[in-house]
Amino acid sequence: MYKISKYIKDYFGAYITPSFGSIKPALKILEEKGYVNSRKTLSDGGKQFCYYTITQSGRENLKEEILKPISENPVQFFANTNIKITCASMLEKTEVADLLFNIKSTAMNHKIQAEKILNDEYTPNTFYGRVMLDNTVKQYKNFIEFIESLEKENGNN
């Protein structure tokens, strides 16, 4: 459990940090579905260790999860896309291109929605509400530019 938790924190800690209490049940479910295998061994001191490996079916399922449509919920958007992009090296070049296109399209939709709210004279916005909407528009603009740079890099590889 410790090594899996450390791996998740090392690679995805900026986006998610699951507890030990959530990792064990998740591994059990993944094993039941055939996505991981476990192997139990005893150390020289008699302590039991459990090693997990991902199966081919697990790799295929992970690929499917990465390629699933992006959440339309703006609250979940950045966390989900950050994880998907971090895992993009598991995909073929054309799959990465599709993933980046879908992420960019969704980001553009979220940006347009935030701009509409910001510019709607009939929507009551406080000073702080307007500041946050303006910041949100800028975040999406920067993120779209970032995705376009990844698209360009993916095209060059």
Protein backbone atom coordinates (compact mmCIF):
# COMPACT_ATOMS: atom_id res chain seq x y z
CA MET A 1 0.00 0.00 0.00
CA TYR A 2 2.78 2.42 0.91
CA LYS A 3 4.54 2.08 -2.43
CA ILE A 4 1.28 2.54 -4.39
CA SER A 5 0.37 5.57 -2.28
CA LYS A 6 3.85 7.05 -2.82
CA TYR A 7 3.64 6.43 -6.57
CA ILE A 8 0.26 8.18 -6.77
CA LYS A 9 1.56 11.13 -4.73
CA ASP A 10 4.76 11.36 -6.80
CA TYR A 11 2.95 11.37 -10.15
CA PHE A 12 -0.48 12.79 -9.36
CA GLY A 13 -0.08 14.53 -5.98
CA ALA A 14 -0.70 17.94 -7.49
CA TYR A 15 -4.16 16.76 -8.58
CA ILE A 16 -5.22 14.06 -6.13
CA THR A 17 -3.97 12.40 -2.95
CA PRO A 18 -6.01 9.34 -2.02
CA SER A 19 -5.91 7.99 1.51
CA PHE A 20 -4.71 4.50 2.42
CA GLY A 21 -8.33 3.78 3.30
CA SER A 22 -9.39 4.38 -0.31
CA ILE A 23 -6.50 2.57 -2.02
CA LYS A 24 -7.10 -0.89 -0.54
CA PRO A 25 -10.82 -1.11 -1.52
CA ALA A 26 -9.98 0.26 -4.97
CA LEU A 27 -7.32 -2.41 -5.48
CA LYS A 28 -9.77 -5.09 -4.37
CA ILE A 29 -12.33 -3.90 -6.94
CA LEU A 30 -9.66 -3.70 -9.65
CA GLU A 31 -8.54 -7.23 -8.82
CA GLU A 32 -12.12 -8.54 -8.91
CA LYS A 33 -12.52 -7.01 -12.37
CA GLY A 34 -9.26 -8.59 -13.54
CA TYR A 35 -7.43 -5.27 -13.99
CA VAL A 36 -4.70 -6.09 -11.45
CA ASN A 37 -3.17 -9.25 -10.02
CA SER A 38 -1.88 -9.57 -6.49
CA ARG A 39 0.82 -11.78 -5.08
CA LYS A 40 1.37 -12.25 -1.36
CA THR A 41 4.77 -13.10 0.07
CA LEU A 42 6.41 -13.22 3.47
CA SER A 43 9.52 -11.23 4.32
CA ASP A 44 12.45 -12.85 6.14
CA GLY A 45 10.98 -11.37 9.33
CA GLY A 46 7.63 -13.04 8.69
CA LYS A 47 5.73 -9.90 7.66
CA GLN A 48 3.23 -10.39 4.85
CA PHE A 49 3.59 -8.22 1.74
CA CYS A 50 1.21 -7.92 -1.17
CA TYR A 51 2.50 -6.97 -4.62
CA TYR A 52 0.17 -5.72 -7.33
CA THR A 53 0.71 -5.73 -11.09
CA ILE A 54 -1.52 -4.34 -13.80
CA THR A 55 -2.90 -6.83 -16.30
CA GLN A 56 -3.32 -6.32 -20.04
CA SER A 57 -7.03 -5.94 -19.40
CA GLY A 58 -6.17 -3.30 -16.79
CA ARG A 59 -4.02 -1.38 -19.29
CA GLU A 60 -6.85 -1.48 -21.82
CA ASN A 61 -9.34 -0.27 -19.21
CA LEU A 62 -7.01 2.56 -18.16
CA LYS A 63 -6.71 3.60 -21.79
CA GLU A 64 -10.52 3.63 -22.06
CA GLU A 65 -10.77 5.77 -18.93
CA ILE A 66 -8.24 8.26 -20.29
CA LEU A 67 -10.19 8.50 -23.55
CA LYS A 68 -13.63 8.87 -21.92
CA PRO A 69 -15.33 12.19 -22.67
CA ILE A 70 -14.22 15.10 -20.52
CA SER A 71 -16.57 16.12 -17.72
CA GLU A 72 -18.88 18.98 -18.61
CA ASN A 73 -18.71 20.05 -14.95
CA PRO A 74 -16.26 22.99 -14.74
CA VAL A 75 -15.42 22.13 -11.13
CA GLN A 76 -14.03 18.73 -12.19
CA PHE A 77 -12.52 19.87 -15.48
CA PHE A 78 -8.96 20.82 -14.50
CA ALA A 79 -8.38 17.90 -12.11
CA ASN A 80 -9.65 15.37 -14.64
CA THR A 81 -7.77 16.83 -17.59
CA ASN A 82 -4.53 17.12 -15.64
CA ILE A 83 -4.67 13.42 -14.79
CA LYS A 84 -5.62 12.45 -18.35
CA ILE A 85 -2.75 14.47 -19.83
CA THR A 86 -0.31 13.02 -17.29
CA CYS A 87 -1.33 9.52 -18.48
CA ALA A 88 -1.27 10.42 -22.20
CA SER A 89 2.02 8.59 -22.76
CA MET A 90 0.00 5.33 -22.60
CA LEU A 91 -1.84 6.35 -25.77
CA GLU A 92 -1.06 6.17 -29.46
CA LYS A 93 -0.25 9.45 -31.21
CA THR A 94 -3.69 9.65 -32.86
CA GLU A 95 -5.38 8.93 -29.52
CA VAL A 96 -3.38 11.74 -27.90
CA ALA A 97 -4.49 14.06 -30.70
CA ASP A 98 -8.14 13.13 -30.08
CA LEU A 99 -7.74 13.56 -26.32
CA LEU A 100 -6.16 17.00 -26.69
CA PHE A 101 -8.80 18.10 -29.18
CA ASN A 102 -11.60 17.03 -26.82
CA ILE A 103 -9.94 18.77 -23.87
CA LYS A 104 -9.45 21.96 -25.88
CA SER A 105 -13.05 21.92 -27.13
CA THR A 106 -14.42 21.48 -23.62
CA ALA A 107 -12.14 24.23 -22.28
CA MET A 108 -13.34 26.57 -25.02
CA ASN A 109 -16.97 25.84 -24.10
CA HIS A 110 -16.26 26.53 -20.41
CA LYS A 111 -14.46 29.76 -21.32
CA ILE A 112 -17.35 30.95 -23.51
CA GLN A 113 -19.83 30.17 -20.73
CA ALA A 114 -17.79 32.15 -18.19
CA GLU A 115 -17.49 35.08 -20.64
CA LYS A 116 -21.26 35.07 -21.20
CA ILE A 117 -21.92 35.28 -17.47
CA LEU A 118 -19.26 37.95 -17.05
CA ASN A 119 -20.65 40.09 -19.89
CA ASP A 120 -24.35 39.61 -19.16
CA GLU A 121 -25.61 42.93 -17.81
CA TYR A 122 -28.65 41.22 -16.31
CA THR A 123 -26.65 38.75 -14.22
CA PRO A 124 -25.99 40.31 -10.82
CA ASN A 125 -22.30 39.96 -10.02
CA THR A 126 -20.53 41.30 -6.98
CA PHE A 127 -17.06 42.75 -7.28
CA TYR A 128 -15.55 39.45 -6.13
CA GLY A 129 -17.80 37.45 -8.43
CA ARG A 130 -16.65 39.52 -11.43
CA VAL A 131 -13.00 39.23 -10.38
CA MET A 132 -13.30 35.45 -10.11
CA LEU A 133 -15.11 35.15 -13.45
CA ASP A 134 -12.44 37.28 -15.10
CA ASN A 135 -9.77 35.07 -13.54
CA THR A 136 -11.60 31.95 -14.74
CA VAL A 137 -11.70 33.28 -18.31
CA LYS A 138 -7.93 33.95 -18.13
CA GLN A 139 -7.28 30.46 -16.73
CA TYR A 140 -9.17 28.86 -19.61
CA LYS A 141 -7.42 31.09 -22.15
CA ASN A 142 -4.00 30.09 -20.78
CA PHE A 143 -5.02 26.43 -20.59
CA ILE A 144 -6.22 26.46 -24.22
CA GLU A 145 -2.87 27.93 -25.30
CA PHE A 146 -1.12 25.22 -23.30
CA ILE A 147 -3.18 22.48 -24.98
CA GLU A 148 -2.40 23.99 -28.39
CA SER A 149 1.33 23.75 -27.55
CA LEU A 150 0.83 20.09 -26.62
CA GLU A 151 -1.03 19.51 -29.90
CA LYS A 152 1.87 21.04 -31.78
CA GLU A 153 4.39 18.91 -29.88
CA ASN A 154 2.31 15.77 -30.48
CA GLY A 155 2.23 16.60 -34.19
CA ASN A 156 6.03 16.86 -34.25
CA ASN A 157 6.57 13.46 -32.64
